[in-house]
Amino acid sequence: MGVYAVTGSYSGMGKEVVARLVEAGHRVITVDRGEADVVADLGTADGRRTAATAVLQMCAGRLDGAVLAAGIGPSPGHDRARLITQVNYFGVVELLEDWRPALAASGSSKVVVFASNSTTTVPMVPRRAIRALLQGDAEAAALPFRRLGRIGPALAYAASKIALARWVRRAAVTPAWAGAGIRLNAIAPGAVLTPLLERQLATPAEARQIRSFPVPIGGYGDPAHFAQWVLMMLSPAADFLCGSIIFVDGGSDAWFRPDAWPAPVRRRDTIGYLRRMRAFTKQR
């Protein structure tokens, strides 16, 4: 049996993942703001350091996998946009960078990051915020949202998840991750009936917006079903899964961009494509 770290373990999809892992006989180190093995606020740099260090101590330097489910939704509020980027992006990336040696020590570990279908369904997301997040500049990432008023948190949420998905794609295929036997992937949920969504549905203005969003199959996702997806992505069946973003969203992504993906390599990108092919050959 393995040892796994799970953030956002107290409720929603994270809680369901913990339950399924424990049922399967694994040891789980839980991380959340309360009622967890490691109590830490991932919205602060100190909290992230506390979480990273405590998990490494509890796992004795070896992890068979990790599930990064902690996140903050796009609810309105003062300085909410900044908090969203802190938790949703840095609360994943900084922990995983600190845990990477422990994941590599396993020799065949799996990591599942929770992204979102907002990565492809939200328009007008500031590109400079995404770039700033990928460059590790939290202050610069928060700047574009201060002038956006009520829509700021929604765009900050999408920006945080886009940057996170890109980080997964970039890191997953590198020698430090794939080369060390770590399989890094992301799942991109749509609207899932978690306590967060239930609170949003209880607010008339937010409920109207949520119900108007296209979900071709109708309804909302079940957190327990997502836990089953995650367990598959943590299993040996995912040995060949690397750098993938798996959309489980009732068809919303396909509704908005049916012809956008898969996309062929554009002519103007051919030189870069060939360069990466040669670089990979030399690497091997």
C-alpha atoms as a PDB file:
ATOM      1  CA  MET A   1       0.000   0.000   0.000  1.00  0.00           C
ATOM      2  CA  GLY A   2       1.123   3.541  -0.674  1.00  0.00           C
ATOM      3  CA  VAL A   3       1.467   6.870   1.093  1.00  0.00           C
ATOM      4  CA  TYR A   4      -0.424   9.810  -0.420  1.00  0.00           C
ATOM      5  CA  ALA A   5      -0.773  13.497   0.392  1.00  0.00           C
ATOM      6  CA  VAL A   6      -4.135  15.147  -0.318  1.00  0.00           C
ATOM      7  CA  THR A   7      -4.816  18.880  -0.017  1.00  0.00           C
ATOM      8  CA  GLY A   8      -8.342  20.222   0.304  1.00  0.00           C
ATOM      9  CA  SER A   9      -9.147  17.054   2.198  1.00  0.00           C
ATOM     10  CA  TYR A  10     -11.890  18.361   4.471  1.00  0.00           C
ATOM     11  CA  SER A  11     -14.718  18.675   1.955  1.00  0.00           C
ATOM     12  CA  GLY A  12     -15.880  18.181  -1.610  1.00  0.00           C
ATOM     13  CA  MET A  13     -13.827  16.186  -4.072  1.00  0.00           C
ATOM     14  CA  GLY A  14     -10.762  16.115  -1.825  1.00  0.00           C
ATOM     15  CA  LYS A  15     -12.754  14.482   0.968  1.00  0.00           C
ATOM     16  CA  GLU A  16     -14.079  11.839  -1.420  1.00  0.00           C
ATOM     17  CA  VAL A  17     -10.572  11.107  -2.708  1.00  0.00           C
ATOM     18  CA  VAL A  18      -9.334  10.589   0.863  1.00  0.00           C
ATOM     19  CA  ALA A  19     -12.201   8.190   1.582  1.00  0.00           C
ATOM     20  CA  ARG A  20     -11.507   6.086  -1.521  1.00  0.00           C
ATOM     21  CA  LEU A  21      -7.760   5.933  -0.846  1.00  0.00           C
ATOM     22  CA  VAL A  22      -8.313   4.864   2.762  1.00  0.00           C
ATOM     23  CA  GLU A  23     -10.834   2.237   1.645  1.00  0.00           C
ATOM     24  CA  ALA A  24      -8.174   0.867  -0.708  1.00  0.00           C
ATOM     25  CA  GLY A  25      -5.811   0.481   2.243  1.00  0.00           C
ATOM     26  CA  HIS A  26      -3.487   3.402   1.576  1.00  0.00           C
ATOM     27  CA  ARG A  27      -2.105   5.804   4.153  1.00  0.00           C
ATOM     28  CA  VAL A  28      -3.257   9.369   3.502  1.00  0.00           C
ATOM     29  CA  ILE A  29      -1.713  12.560   4.877  1.00  0.00           C
ATOM     30  CA  THR A  30      -4.436  15.192   4.777  1.00  0.00           C
ATOM     31  CA  VAL A  31      -3.868  18.925   4.388  1.00  0.00           C
ATOM     32  CA  ASP A  32      -6.505  21.603   4.959  1.00  0.00           C
ATOM     33  CA  ARG A  33      -7.268  24.704   7.008  1.00  0.00           C
ATOM     34  CA  GLY A  34      -8.843  22.592   9.733  1.00  0.00           C
ATOM     35  CA  GLU A  35      -9.550  18.997  10.767  1.00  0.00           C
ATOM     36  CA  ALA A  36      -6.557  17.554   8.915  1.00  0.00           C
ATOM     37  CA  ASP A  37      -3.249  15.873   9.702  1.00  0.00           C
ATOM     38  CA  VAL A  38      -1.549  19.064   8.560  1.00  0.00           C
ATOM     39  CA  VAL A  39      -3.446  22.271   9.294  1.00  0.00           C
ATOM     40  CA  ALA A  40      -2.177  25.095   7.093  1.00  0.00           C
ATOM     41  CA  ASP A  41      -3.425  28.092   5.128  1.00  0.00           C
ATOM     42  CA  LEU A  42      -2.263  27.662   1.536  1.00  0.00           C
ATOM     43  CA  GLY A  43      -3.164  31.286   0.867  1.00  0.00           C
ATOM     44  CA  THR A  44       0.057  32.420   2.557  1.00  0.00           C
ATOM     45  CA  ALA A  45       3.708  31.676   1.866  1.00  0.00           C
ATOM     46  CA  ASP A  46       4.216  30.653   5.505  1.00  0.00           C
ATOM     47  CA  GLY A  47       1.242  28.323   5.342  1.00  0.00           C
ATOM     48  CA  ARG A  48       2.561  26.672   2.211  1.00  0.00           C
ATOM     49  CA  ARG A  49       5.979  26.163   3.768  1.00  0.00           C
ATOM     50  CA  THR A  50       4.332  24.677   6.856  1.00  0.00           C
ATOM     51  CA  ALA A  51       2.301  22.249   4.731  1.00  0.00           C
ATOM     52  CA  ALA A  52       5.241  21.201   2.579  1.00  0.00           C
ATOM     53  CA  THR A  53       7.574  20.624   5.518  1.00  0.00           C
ATOM     54  CA  ALA A  54       5.039  18.813   7.697  1.00  0.00           C
ATOM     55  CA  VAL A  55       4.062  16.381   4.946  1.00  0.00           C
ATOM     56  CA  LEU A  56       7.702  15.566   4.203  1.00  0.00           C
ATOM     57  CA  GLN A  57       8.284  14.853   7.882  1.00  0.00           C
ATOM     58  CA  MET A  58       5.206  12.644   8.151  1.00  0.00           C
ATOM     59  CA  CYS A  59       5.998  10.625   5.021  1.00  0.00           C
ATOM     60  CA  ALA A  60       9.681  10.216   5.968  1.00  0.00           C
ATOM     61  CA  GLY A  61      10.777  11.566   2.605  1.00  0.00           C
ATOM     62  CA  ARG A  62       8.794   9.204   0.366  1.00  0.00           C
ATOM     63  CA  LEU A  63       5.423   9.730  -1.315  1.00  0.00           C
ATOM     64  CA  ASP A  64       3.698   7.341  -3.695  1.00  0.00           C
ATOM     65  CA  GLY A  65       1.416  10.093  -4.903  1.00  0.00           C
ATOM     66  CA  ALA A  66      -0.290  13.391  -4.242  1.00  0.00           C
ATOM     67  CA  VAL A  67      -3.657  14.931  -5.021  1.00  0.00           C
ATOM     68  CA  LEU A  68      -3.834  18.721  -5.045  1.00  0.00           C
ATOM     69  CA  ALA A  69      -7.552  19.406  -4.605  1.00  0.00           C
ATOM     70  CA  ALA A  70      -7.444  22.557  -2.442  1.00  0.00           C
ATOM     71  CA  GLY A  71      -8.814  25.611  -4.204  1.00  0.00           C
ATOM     72  CA  ILE A  72     -10.907  28.754  -3.897  1.00  0.00           C
ATOM     73  CA  GLY A  73     -13.832  29.481  -6.180  1.00  0.00           C
ATOM     74  CA  PRO A  74     -14.654  32.751  -7.943  1.00  0.00           C
ATOM     75  CA  SER A  75     -16.897  34.199  -5.253  1.00  0.00           C
ATOM     76  CA  PRO A  76     -16.847  38.005  -4.866  1.00  0.00           C
ATOM     77  CA  GLY A  77     -15.085  39.684  -1.969  1.00  0.00           C
ATOM     78  CA  HIS A  78     -12.399  42.165  -0.986  1.00  0.00           C
ATOM     79  CA  ASP A  79      -8.976  41.160  -2.324  1.00  0.00           C
ATOM     80  CA  ARG A  80     -10.546  37.851  -3.336  1.00  0.00           C
ATOM     81  CA  ALA A  81      -8.698  37.758  -6.666  1.00  0.00           C
ATOM     82  CA  ARG A  82      -5.311  37.820  -4.963  1.00  0.00           C
ATOM     83  CA  LEU A  83      -6.286  35.044  -2.553  1.00  0.00           C
ATOM     84  CA  ILE A  84      -7.566  32.923  -5.438  1.00  0.00           C
ATOM     85  CA  THR A  85      -4.233  33.080  -7.250  1.00  0.00           C
ATOM     86  CA  GLN A  86      -2.313  32.382  -4.027  1.00  0.00           C
ATOM     87  CA  VAL A  87      -4.250  29.209  -3.199  1.00  0.00           C
ATOM     88  CA  ASN A  88      -5.097  27.888  -6.661  1.00  0.00           C
ATOM     89  CA  TYR A  89      -1.685  28.360  -8.245  1.00  0.00           C
ATOM     90  CA  PHE A  90       1.039  28.779  -5.632  1.00  0.00           C
ATOM     91  CA  GLY A  91      -0.771  26.436  -3.232  1.00  0.00           C
ATOM     92  CA  VAL A  92      -0.209  23.691  -5.794  1.00  0.00           C
ATOM     93  CA  VAL A  93       3.067  24.526  -7.505  1.00  0.00           C
ATOM     94  CA  GLU A  94       5.107  25.394  -4.414  1.00  0.00           C
ATOM     95  CA  LEU A  95       4.005  22.258  -2.569  1.00  0.00           C
ATOM     96  CA  LEU A  96       4.743  20.004  -5.514  1.00  0.00           C
ATOM     97  CA  GLU A  97       8.159  21.519  -6.078  1.00  0.00           C
ATOM     98  CA  ASP A  98       8.994  20.855  -2.417  1.00  0.00           C
ATOM     99  CA  TRP A  99       7.530  17.336  -2.542  1.00  0.00           C
ATOM    100  CA  ARG A 100       9.190  16.356  -5.834  1.00  0.00           C
ATOM    101  CA  PRO A 101      12.199  14.599  -4.215  1.00  0.00           C
ATOM    102  CA  ALA A 102       9.842  12.526  -2.043  1.00  0.00           C
ATOM    103  CA  LEU A 103       7.756  11.638  -5.092  1.00  0.00           C
ATOM    104  CA  ALA A 104      10.899  10.707  -7.016  1.00  0.00           C
ATOM    105  CA  ALA A 105      12.014   8.480  -4.119  1.00  0.00           C
ATOM    106  CA  SER A 106       9.065   6.202  -4.858  1.00  0.00           C
ATOM    107  CA  GLY A 107      10.362   5.495  -8.364  1.00  0.00           C
ATOM    108  CA  SER A 108       6.833   5.307  -9.775  1.00  0.00           C
ATOM    109  CA  SER A 109       4.576   7.958  -8.278  1.00  0.00           C
ATOM    110  CA  LYS A 110       1.465   9.700  -9.554  1.00  0.00           C
ATOM    111  CA  VAL A 111       0.293  13.277  -9.041  1.00  0.00           C
ATOM    112  CA  VAL A 112      -3.187  14.570  -9.834  1.00  0.00           C
ATOM    113  CA  VAL A 113      -3.777  18.318  -9.883  1.00  0.00           C
ATOM    114  CA  PHE A 114      -7.266  19.809  -9.942  1.00  0.00           C
ATOM    115  CA  ALA A 115      -7.536  22.246 -12.830  1.00  0.00           C
ATOM    116  CA  SER A 116     -10.903  23.419 -14.217  1.00  0.00           C
ATOM    117  CA  ASN A 117     -12.870  23.719 -17.437  1.00  0.00           C
ATOM    118  CA  SER A 118     -12.708  27.475 -16.849  1.00  0.00           C
ATOM    119  CA  THR A 119      -9.344  27.173 -18.595  1.00  0.00           C
ATOM    120  CA  THR A 120     -11.193  27.025 -21.924  1.00  0.00           C
ATOM    121  CA  THR A 121     -14.656  28.456 -21.271  1.00  0.00           C
ATOM    122  CA  VAL A 122     -13.987  31.888 -19.715  1.00  0.00           C
ATOM    123  CA  PRO A 123     -13.315  34.799 -22.100  1.00  0.00           C
ATOM    124  CA  MET A 124     -11.180  37.920 -21.543  1.00  0.00           C
ATOM    125  CA  VAL A 125      -8.737  36.374 -19.059  1.00  0.00           C
ATOM    126  CA  PRO A 126      -5.746  38.772 -18.754  1.00  0.00           C
ATOM    127  CA  ARG A 127      -2.759  37.104 -20.369  1.00  0.00           C
ATOM    128  CA  ARG A 128      -0.291  39.130 -18.350  1.00  0.00           C
ATOM    129  CA  ALA A 129      -1.718  37.633 -15.156  1.00  0.00           C
ATOM    130  CA  ILE A 130      -1.125  34.129 -16.521  1.00  0.00           C
ATOM    131  CA  ARG A 131       2.433  35.043 -17.502  1.00  0.00           C
ATOM    132  CA  ALA A 132       3.094  36.565 -14.077  1.00  0.00           C
ATOM    133  CA  LEU A 133       1.892  33.429 -12.303  1.00  0.00           C
ATOM    134  CA  LEU A 134       4.106  31.200 -14.430  1.00  0.00           C
ATOM    135  CA  GLN A 135       7.021  33.510 -13.621  1.00  0.00           C
ATOM    136  CA  GLY A 136       6.245  33.196  -9.904  1.00  0.00           C
ATOM    137  CA  ASP A 137       5.331  36.868  -9.459  1.00  0.00           C
ATOM    138  CA  ALA A 138       2.263  36.898  -7.201  1.00  0.00           C
ATOM    139  CA  GLU A 139       2.039  40.682  -6.914  1.00  0.00           C
ATOM    140  CA  ALA A 140       2.159  41.275 -10.674  1.00  0.00           C
ATOM    141  CA  ALA A 141      -0.425  38.529 -11.194  1.00  0.00           C
ATOM    142  CA  ALA A 142      -2.902  40.279  -8.885  1.00  0.00           C
ATOM    143  CA  LEU A 143      -2.610  43.732 -10.487  1.00  0.00           C
ATOM    144  CA  PRO A 144      -4.890  43.241 -13.535  1.00  0.00           C
ATOM    145  CA  PHE A 145      -7.844  42.209 -11.380  1.00  0.00           C
ATOM    146  CA  ARG A 146      -7.920  45.247  -9.114  1.00  0.00           C
ATOM    147  CA  ARG A 147      -9.534  47.326 -11.848  1.00  0.00           C
ATOM    148  CA  LEU A 148     -12.058  44.720 -12.960  1.00  0.00           C
ATOM    149  CA  GLY A 149     -14.592  45.091 -10.139  1.00  0.00           C
ATOM    150  CA  ARG A 150     -17.098  42.292  -9.675  1.00  0.00           C
ATOM    151  CA  ILE A 151     -15.806  40.163 -12.541  1.00  0.00           C
ATOM    152  CA  GLY A 152     -12.261  40.227 -11.142  1.00  0.00           C
ATOM    153  CA  PRO A 153     -12.547  37.046  -9.017  1.00  0.00           C
ATOM    154  CA  ALA A 154     -14.030  35.030 -11.903  1.00  0.00           C
ATOM    155  CA  LEU A 155     -11.208  36.061 -14.220  1.00  0.00           C
ATOM    156  CA  ALA A 156      -8.617  35.493 -11.483  1.00  0.00           C
ATOM    157  CA  TYR A 157      -9.996  31.990 -10.986  1.00  0.00           C
ATOM    158  CA  ALA A 158      -9.699  31.207 -14.696  1.00  0.00           C
ATOM    159  CA  ALA A 159      -6.209  32.738 -14.846  1.00  0.00           C
ATOM    160  CA  SER A 160      -5.045  30.662 -11.879  1.00  0.00           C
ATOM    161  CA  LYS A 161      -6.313  27.446 -13.452  1.00  0.00           C
ATOM    162  CA  ILE A 162      -4.885  28.262 -16.906  1.00  0.00           C
ATOM    163  CA  ALA A 163      -1.467  28.972 -15.399  1.00  0.00           C
ATOM    164  CA  LEU A 164      -1.715  25.795 -13.329  1.00  0.00           C
ATOM    165  CA  ALA A 165      -2.620  23.653 -16.358  1.00  0.00           C
ATOM    166  CA  ARG A 166       0.272  25.131 -18.323  1.00  0.00           C
ATOM    167  CA  TRP A 167       2.665  24.497 -15.456  1.00  0.00           C
ATOM    168  CA  VAL A 168       1.532  20.867 -15.376  1.00  0.00           C
ATOM    169  CA  ARG A 169       2.067  20.497 -19.130  1.00  0.00           C
ATOM    170  CA  ARG A 170       5.494  22.118 -18.993  1.00  0.00           C
ATOM    171  CA  ALA A 171       6.797  20.328 -15.895  1.00  0.00           C
ATOM    172  CA  ALA A 172       5.319  16.869 -16.534  1.00  0.00           C
ATOM    173  CA  VAL A 173       7.520  16.062 -19.526  1.00  0.00           C
ATOM    174  CA  THR A 174      10.830  17.203 -18.052  1.00  0.00           C
ATOM    175  CA  PRO A 175      13.619  14.958 -16.730  1.00  0.00           C
ATOM    176  CA  ALA A 176      12.888  16.225 -13.191  1.00  0.00           C
ATOM    177  CA  TRP A 177       9.360  14.792 -13.370  1.00  0.00           C
ATOM    178  CA  ALA A 178       8.817  12.241 -16.143  1.00  0.00           C
ATOM    179  CA  GLY A 179      12.481  11.294 -16.023  1.00  0.00           C
ATOM    180  CA  ALA A 180      12.253  10.684 -12.270  1.00  0.00           C
ATOM    181  CA  GLY A 181       9.302   8.306 -12.624  1.00  0.00           C
ATOM    182  CA  ILE A 182       6.676  10.862 -11.575  1.00  0.00           C
ATOM    183  CA  ARG A 183       3.505  10.985 -13.638  1.00  0.00           C
ATOM    184  CA  LEU A 184       2.038  14.489 -13.364  1.00  0.00           C
ATOM    185  CA  ASN A 185      -1.464  15.082 -14.773  1.00  0.00           C
ATOM    186  CA  ALA A 186      -4.532  17.217 -14.145  1.00  0.00           C
ATOM    187  CA  ILE A 187      -8.261  16.700 -14.063  1.00  0.00           C
ATOM    188  CA  ALA A 188     -10.465  19.591 -15.218  1.00  0.00           C
ATOM    189  CA  PRO A 189     -13.924  19.446 -13.622  1.00  0.00           C
ATOM    190  CA  GLY A 190     -16.919  21.460 -14.642  1.00  0.00           C
ATOM    191  CA  ALA A 191     -19.713  22.286 -12.199  1.00  0.00           C
ATOM    192  CA  VAL A 192     -19.539  19.721  -9.389  1.00  0.00           C
ATOM    193  CA  LEU A 193     -22.024  19.632  -6.523  1.00  0.00           C
ATOM    194  CA  THR A 194     -19.568  20.422  -3.745  1.00  0.00           C
ATOM    195  CA  PRO A 195     -20.296  22.590  -0.665  1.00  0.00           C
ATOM    196  CA  LEU A 196     -18.789  25.512  -2.609  1.00  0.00           C
ATOM    197  CA  LEU A 197     -21.261  25.119  -5.477  1.00  0.00           C
ATOM    198  CA  GLU A 198     -24.132  24.621  -3.035  1.00  0.00           C
ATOM    199  CA  ARG A 199     -23.289  27.975  -1.402  1.00  0.00           C
ATOM    200  CA  GLN A 200     -23.186  29.635  -4.822  1.00  0.00           C
ATOM    201  CA  LEU A 201     -26.545  28.131  -5.791  1.00  0.00           C
ATOM    202  CA  ALA A 202     -28.008  29.548  -2.574  1.00  0.00           C
ATOM    203  CA  THR A 203     -27.136  33.084  -3.766  1.00  0.00           C
ATOM    204  CA  PRO A 204     -29.706  34.192  -6.397  1.00  0.00           C
ATOM    205  CA  ALA A 205     -27.314  36.216  -8.557  1.00  0.00           C
ATOM    206  CA  GLU A 206     -24.674  33.486  -8.626  1.00  0.00           C
ATOM    207  CA  ALA A 207     -27.303  30.771  -9.090  1.00  0.00           C
ATOM    208  CA  ARG A 208     -28.669  32.471 -12.216  1.00  0.00           C
ATOM    209  CA  GLN A 209     -25.202  32.670 -13.718  1.00  0.00           C
ATOM    210  CA  ILE A 210     -24.386  29.053 -12.915  1.00  0.00           C
ATOM    211  CA  ARG A 211     -27.667  27.710 -14.300  1.00  0.00           C
ATOM    212  CA  SER A 212     -27.217  29.648 -17.536  1.00  0.00           C
ATOM    213  CA  PHE A 213     -23.859  27.995 -18.218  1.00  0.00           C
ATOM    214  CA  PRO A 214     -24.088  25.293 -20.938  1.00  0.00           C
ATOM    215  CA  VAL A 215     -23.792  21.723 -19.654  1.00  0.00           C
ATOM    216  CA  PRO A 216     -24.955  19.517 -22.555  1.00  0.00           C
ATOM    217  CA  ILE A 217     -25.776  16.486 -20.420  1.00  0.00           C
ATOM    218  CA  GLY A 218     -27.450  18.666 -17.760  1.00  0.00           C
ATOM    219  CA  GLY A 219     -27.083  18.702 -13.990  1.00  0.00           C
ATOM    220  CA  TYR A 220     -23.900  18.769 -11.953  1.00  0.00           C
ATOM    221  CA  GLY A 221     -21.011  16.406 -11.340  1.00  0.00           C
ATOM    222  CA  ASP A 222     -20.895  14.043  -8.363  1.00  0.00           C
ATOM    223  CA  PRO A 223     -17.785  14.421  -6.137  1.00  0.00           C
ATOM    224  CA  ALA A 224     -17.723  10.657  -5.564  1.00  0.00           C
ATOM    225  CA  HIS A 225     -17.430  10.044  -9.311  1.00  0.00           C
ATOM    226  CA  PHE A 226     -14.458  12.393  -9.498  1.00  0.00           C
ATOM    227  CA  ALA A 227     -12.762  10.442  -6.742  1.00  0.00           C
ATOM    228  CA  GLN A 228     -12.971   7.352  -8.943  1.00  0.00           C
ATOM    229  CA  TRP A 229     -11.356   9.270 -11.804  1.00  0.00           C
ATOM    230  CA  VAL A 230      -8.552  10.372  -9.503  1.00  0.00           C
ATOM    231  CA  LEU A 231      -7.937   6.840  -8.238  1.00  0.00           C
ATOM    232  CA  MET A 232      -7.576   5.658 -11.827  1.00  0.00           C
ATOM    233  CA  MET A 233      -5.061   8.461 -12.459  1.00  0.00           C
ATOM    234  CA  LEU A 234      -3.114   7.314  -9.380  1.00  0.00           C
ATOM    235  CA  SER A 235      -3.128   3.667 -10.413  1.00  0.00           C
ATOM    236  CA  PRO A 236      -0.738   1.629 -12.614  1.00  0.00           C
ATOM    237  CA  ALA A 237      -3.289   2.123 -15.424  1.00  0.00           C
ATOM    238  CA  ALA A 238      -1.945   5.692 -15.629  1.00  0.00           C
ATOM    239  CA  ASP A 239       1.700   4.709 -16.147  1.00  0.00           C
ATOM    240  CA  PHE A 240       1.534   6.046 -19.731  1.00  0.00           C
ATOM    241  CA  LEU A 241      -0.443   9.164 -18.797  1.00  0.00           C
ATOM    242  CA  CYS A 242       1.828  12.216 -18.681  1.00  0.00           C
ATOM    243  CA  GLY A 243       1.069  15.927 -18.936  1.00  0.00           C
ATOM    244  CA  SER A 244      -2.606  15.350 -19.724  1.00  0.00           C
ATOM    245  CA  ILE A 245      -5.511  17.624 -18.789  1.00  0.00           C
ATOM    246  CA  ILE A 246      -8.614  15.435 -18.591  1.00  0.00           C
ATOM    247  CA  PHE A 247     -11.915  17.309 -18.917  1.00  0.00           C
ATOM    248  CA  VAL A 248     -14.806  15.837 -16.936  1.00  0.00           C
ATOM    249  CA  ASP A 249     -17.393  18.572 -17.312  1.00  0.00           C
ATOM    250  CA  GLY A 250     -20.599  17.247 -18.838  1.00  0.00           C
ATOM    251  CA  GLY A 251     -19.571  18.401 -22.309  1.00  0.00           C
ATOM    252  CA  SER A 252     -19.135  22.143 -21.655  1.00  0.00           C
ATOM    253  CA  ASP A 253     -15.632  22.367 -23.119  1.00  0.00           C
ATOM    254  CA  ALA A 254     -16.747  20.509 -26.252  1.00  0.00           C
ATOM    255  CA  TRP A 255     -19.790  22.787 -26.529  1.00  0.00           C
ATOM    256  CA  PHE A 256     -17.743  25.983 -26.532  1.00  0.00           C
ATOM    257  CA  ARG A 257     -14.867  24.867 -28.769  1.00  0.00           C
ATOM    258  CA  PRO A 258     -15.724  21.742 -30.769  1.00  0.00           C
ATOM    259  CA  ASP A 259     -13.109  22.428 -33.453  1.00  0.00           C
ATOM    260  CA  ALA A 260     -10.369  24.033 -31.362  1.00  0.00           C
ATOM    261  CA  TRP A 261      -8.830  20.782 -30.180  1.00  0.00           C
ATOM    262  CA  PRO A 262      -7.102  18.637 -31.338  1.00  0.00           C
ATOM    263  CA  ALA A 263      -5.268  21.218 -33.414  1.00  0.00           C
ATOM    264  CA  PRO A 264      -2.590  20.491 -36.033  1.00  0.00           C
ATOM    265  CA  VAL A 265       0.834  22.079 -35.783  1.00  0.00           C
ATOM    266  CA  ARG A 266       0.591  25.470 -37.490  1.00  0.00           C
ATOM    267  CA  ARG A 267       2.985  26.244 -40.334  1.00  0.00           C
ATOM    268  CA  ARG A 268       4.496  29.138 -38.406  1.00  0.00           C
ATOM    269  CA  ASP A 269       5.247  26.763 -35.514  1.00  0.00           C
ATOM    270  CA  THR A 270       7.035  24.147 -37.620  1.00  0.00           C
ATOM    271  CA  ILE A 271      10.564  25.390 -36.899  1.00  0.00           C
ATOM    272  CA  GLY A 272       9.923  25.357 -33.143  1.00  0.00           C
ATOM    273  CA  TYR A 273       8.419  21.886 -33.456  1.00  0.00           C
ATOM    274  CA  LEU A 274      11.506  20.547 -35.241  1.00  0.00           C
ATOM    275  CA  ARG A 275      13.795  22.175 -32.683  1.00  0.00           C
ATOM    276  CA  ARG A 276      12.000  20.425 -29.858  1.00  0.00           C
ATOM    277  CA  MET A 277      12.222  17.129 -31.750  1.00  0.00           C
ATOM    278  CA  ARG A 278      16.009  17.530 -32.066  1.00  0.00           C
ATOM    279  CA  ALA A 279      16.339  18.606 -28.424  1.00  0.00           C
ATOM    280  CA  PHE A 280      14.475  15.506 -27.291  1.00  0.00           C
ATOM    281  CA  THR A 281      16.688  13.255 -29.415  1.00  0.00           C
ATOM    282  CA  LYS A 282      19.839  14.784 -27.884  1.00  0.00           C
ATOM    283  CA  GLN A 283      18.350  14.477 -24.386  1.00  0.00           C
ATOM    284  CA  ARG A 284      17.900  10.747 -24.826  1.00  0.00           C
END
